Structure formats: structure tokens, C-alpha cells
């Protein structure tokens, strides 16, 4: 399946937004904006990490907002770039 994505247009940034469902461009744009993505021009975007000054994303990982690398804390997986905290699943006992 081919799915529409949004990429960050800052130099050397590997960030991208991969939606959970295939949606139209207007729905995708609204969803990305709600997650911290910013439209720069009609065809370019900046990821949440670059918007907050912590980018560019240099290493991809599991962040649902920018696909940046994450590290584990007790409260969840934290993105190195955009700072998003993805809570650990209820059955994850590794961090107790």
C-alpha cells in the first residue's frame, strides 16, 4: 500500500509523519499540525523537533510524531528530538 506522509524540509532532517490510516491531504495536514508539525510554504513542512529548536532528527526510531529515536524513562519512551512521551504499555514490567 502507498501511504501519504509528511517529511521535514530542514537540511539533514530525517523526520517524517506516518499516519495510522490513509487519509486525504487536508486530513493529514490537520493531524500533523495537531502533533506539532508546521507548514513553512505550500509544499514544505518543519517537524516538531525543528520547530522547538531540538532538531534536526538525525536518527530514526519509534516516535509516533516525528519517527525520531527514543529513550526509556519510567513514565514512557521519550523522543530525543520533539520531546513526545509515549507511555509504556500496561503489561510492560521491564522498568519497574
C-alpha atoms as a PDB file:
ATOM      1  CA  UNK A   1       0.000   0.000   0.000  1.00  0.00           C
ATOM      2  CA  UNK A   2       1.187   3.500  -0.777  1.00  0.00           C
ATOM      3  CA  UNK A   3       0.503   5.968   2.014  1.00  0.00           C
ATOM      4  CA  UNK A   4       0.882   9.737   2.020  1.00  0.00           C
ATOM      5  CA  UNK A   5       3.432  11.050   4.538  1.00  0.00           C
ATOM      6  CA  UNK A   6       4.843  14.407   5.560  1.00  0.00           C
ATOM      7  CA  UNK A   7       8.607  14.953   5.708  1.00  0.00           C
ATOM      8  CA  UNK A   8      10.605  17.709   7.354  1.00  0.00           C
ATOM      9  CA  UNK A   9      12.248  20.003   4.833  1.00  0.00           C
ATOM     10  CA  UNK A  10      15.045  21.264   7.067  1.00  0.00           C
ATOM     11  CA  UNK A  11      18.504  20.298   5.801  1.00  0.00           C
ATOM     12  CA  UNK A  12      19.682  16.890   7.049  1.00  0.00           C
ATOM     13  CA  UNK A  13      16.465  16.173   8.991  1.00  0.00           C
ATOM     14  CA  UNK A  14      15.135  12.612   8.738  1.00  0.00           C
ATOM     15  CA  UNK A  15      11.794  13.298  10.449  1.00  0.00           C
ATOM     16  CA  UNK A  16       8.573  12.106   8.908  1.00  0.00           C
ATOM     17  CA  UNK A  17       4.965  11.779   9.929  1.00  0.00           C
ATOM     18  CA  UNK A  18       3.423   8.407   9.120  1.00  0.00           C
ATOM     19  CA  UNK A  19      -0.312   8.474   9.829  1.00  0.00           C
ATOM     20  CA  UNK A  20      -2.057   5.390  11.215  1.00  0.00           C
ATOM     21  CA  UNK A  21      -4.640   5.466   8.444  1.00  0.00           C
ATOM     22  CA  UNK A  22      -4.599   6.536   4.824  1.00  0.00           C
ATOM     23  CA  UNK A  23      -6.324   9.904   4.659  1.00  0.00           C
ATOM     24  CA  UNK A  24      -6.735  12.787   2.283  1.00  0.00           C
ATOM     25  CA  UNK A  25      -4.218  15.604   2.188  1.00  0.00           C
ATOM     26  CA  UNK A  26      -6.388  18.023   4.193  1.00  0.00           C
ATOM     27  CA  UNK A  27      -6.993  15.478   6.979  1.00  0.00           C
ATOM     28  CA  UNK A  28      -3.304  14.575   7.038  1.00  0.00           C
ATOM     29  CA  UNK A  29      -2.327  18.253   7.254  1.00  0.00           C
ATOM     30  CA  UNK A  30      -4.678  18.902  10.209  1.00  0.00           C
ATOM     31  CA  UNK A  31      -3.474  15.786  12.050  1.00  0.00           C
ATOM     32  CA  UNK A  32       0.187  16.733  11.572  1.00  0.00           C
ATOM     33  CA  UNK A  33      -0.436  20.297  12.743  1.00  0.00           C
ATOM     34  CA  UNK A  34      -2.127  18.959  15.897  1.00  0.00           C
ATOM     35  CA  UNK A  35       1.055  16.957  16.619  1.00  0.00           C
ATOM     36  CA  UNK A  36       3.336  19.990  16.305  1.00  0.00           C
ATOM     37  CA  UNK A  37       4.261  19.978  12.609  1.00  0.00           C
ATOM     38  CA  UNK A  38       4.375  23.412  10.995  1.00  0.00           C
ATOM     39  CA  UNK A  39       3.757  24.342   7.380  1.00  0.00           C
ATOM     40  CA  UNK A  40       6.576  26.508   6.020  1.00  0.00           C
ATOM     41  CA  UNK A  41       5.356  27.017   2.462  1.00  0.00           C
ATOM     42  CA  UNK A  42       2.685  25.438   0.301  1.00  0.00           C
ATOM     43  CA  UNK A  43       4.873  22.366  -0.202  1.00  0.00           C
ATOM     44  CA  UNK A  44       7.241  22.248   2.779  1.00  0.00           C
ATOM     45  CA  UNK A  45       6.979  21.436   6.479  1.00  0.00           C
ATOM     46  CA  UNK A  46       9.036  21.541   9.680  1.00  0.00           C
ATOM     47  CA  UNK A  47       8.888  18.699  12.208  1.00  0.00           C
ATOM     48  CA  UNK A  48       8.105  19.270  15.906  1.00  0.00           C
ATOM     49  CA  UNK A  49      11.802  18.872  16.814  1.00  0.00           C
ATOM     50  CA  UNK A  50      12.923  21.553  14.368  1.00  0.00           C
ATOM     51  CA  UNK A  51      10.052  23.838  15.419  1.00  0.00           C
ATOM     52  CA  UNK A  52      11.111  23.646  19.083  1.00  0.00           C
ATOM     53  CA  UNK A  53      14.803  24.010  18.212  1.00  0.00           C
ATOM     54  CA  UNK A  54      15.872  20.472  19.163  1.00  0.00           C
ATOM     55  CA  UNK A  55      16.175  19.142  15.601  1.00  0.00           C
ATOM     56  CA  UNK A  56      17.114  18.085  13.071  1.00  0.00           C
ATOM     57  CA  UNK A  57      16.206  14.424  13.564  1.00  0.00           C
ATOM     58  CA  UNK A  58      19.459  12.579  12.952  1.00  0.00           C
ATOM     59  CA  UNK A  59      18.387   9.071  13.947  1.00  0.00           C
ATOM     60  CA  UNK A  60      15.040   7.438  13.233  1.00  0.00           C
ATOM     61  CA  UNK A  61      13.254   5.451  15.893  1.00  0.00           C
ATOM     62  CA  UNK A  62       9.775   4.828  17.239  1.00  0.00           C
ATOM     63  CA  UNK A  63       8.385   8.295  17.991  1.00  0.00           C
ATOM     64  CA  UNK A  64       4.822   8.470  16.598  1.00  0.00           C
ATOM     65  CA  UNK A  65       5.127  12.223  15.974  1.00  0.00           C
ATOM     66  CA  UNK A  66       8.408  12.503  14.075  1.00  0.00           C
ATOM     67  CA  UNK A  67       9.864   8.962  13.809  1.00  0.00           C
ATOM     68  CA  UNK A  68      12.826  10.106  15.903  1.00  0.00           C
ATOM     69  CA  UNK A  69      14.881   7.928  18.244  1.00  0.00           C
ATOM     70  CA  UNK A  70      13.527   7.494  21.768  1.00  0.00           C
ATOM     71  CA  UNK A  71      14.935   6.598  25.180  1.00  0.00           C
ATOM     72  CA  UNK A  72      13.140   4.890  28.065  1.00  0.00           C
ATOM     73  CA  UNK A  73      12.132   6.531  31.311  1.00  0.00           C
ATOM     74  CA  UNK A  74       9.734   5.296  33.976  1.00  0.00           C
ATOM     75  CA  UNK A  75       6.875   7.354  32.527  1.00  0.00           C
ATOM     76  CA  UNK A  76       7.403   6.182  28.930  1.00  0.00           C
ATOM     77  CA  UNK A  77       9.560   6.367  25.827  1.00  0.00           C
ATOM     78  CA  UNK A  78      10.738   9.946  25.269  1.00  0.00           C
ATOM     79  CA  UNK A  79      11.745  11.287  21.862  1.00  0.00           C
ATOM     80  CA  UNK A  80      15.217  12.844  21.769  1.00  0.00           C
ATOM     81  CA  UNK A  81      14.024  15.478  19.281  1.00  0.00           C
ATOM     82  CA  UNK A  82      10.392  16.508  19.760  1.00  0.00           C
ATOM     83  CA  UNK A  83      10.143  15.508  23.430  1.00  0.00           C
ATOM     84  CA  UNK A  84       6.951  13.482  22.974  1.00  0.00           C
ATOM     85  CA  UNK A  85       6.377  10.905  25.731  1.00  0.00           C
ATOM     86  CA  UNK A  86       4.803   7.663  24.548  1.00  0.00           C
ATOM     87  CA  UNK A  87       3.551   5.830  27.684  1.00  0.00           C
ATOM     88  CA  UNK A  88       4.686   2.252  28.201  1.00  0.00           C
ATOM     89  CA  UNK A  89       2.035  -0.435  27.683  1.00  0.00           C
ATOM     90  CA  UNK A  90       0.264  -1.585  30.841  1.00  0.00           C
ATOM     91  CA  UNK A  91       1.905  -5.039  30.585  1.00  0.00           C
ATOM     92  CA  UNK A  92       5.463  -3.670  30.272  1.00  0.00           C
ATOM     93  CA  UNK A  93       7.235  -4.670  33.501  1.00  0.00           C
ATOM     94  CA  UNK A  94      10.833  -4.060  32.372  1.00  0.00           C
ATOM     95  CA  UNK A  95      11.084  -0.617  34.003  1.00  0.00           C
ATOM     96  CA  UNK A  96       9.737  -1.395  37.473  1.00  0.00           C
END
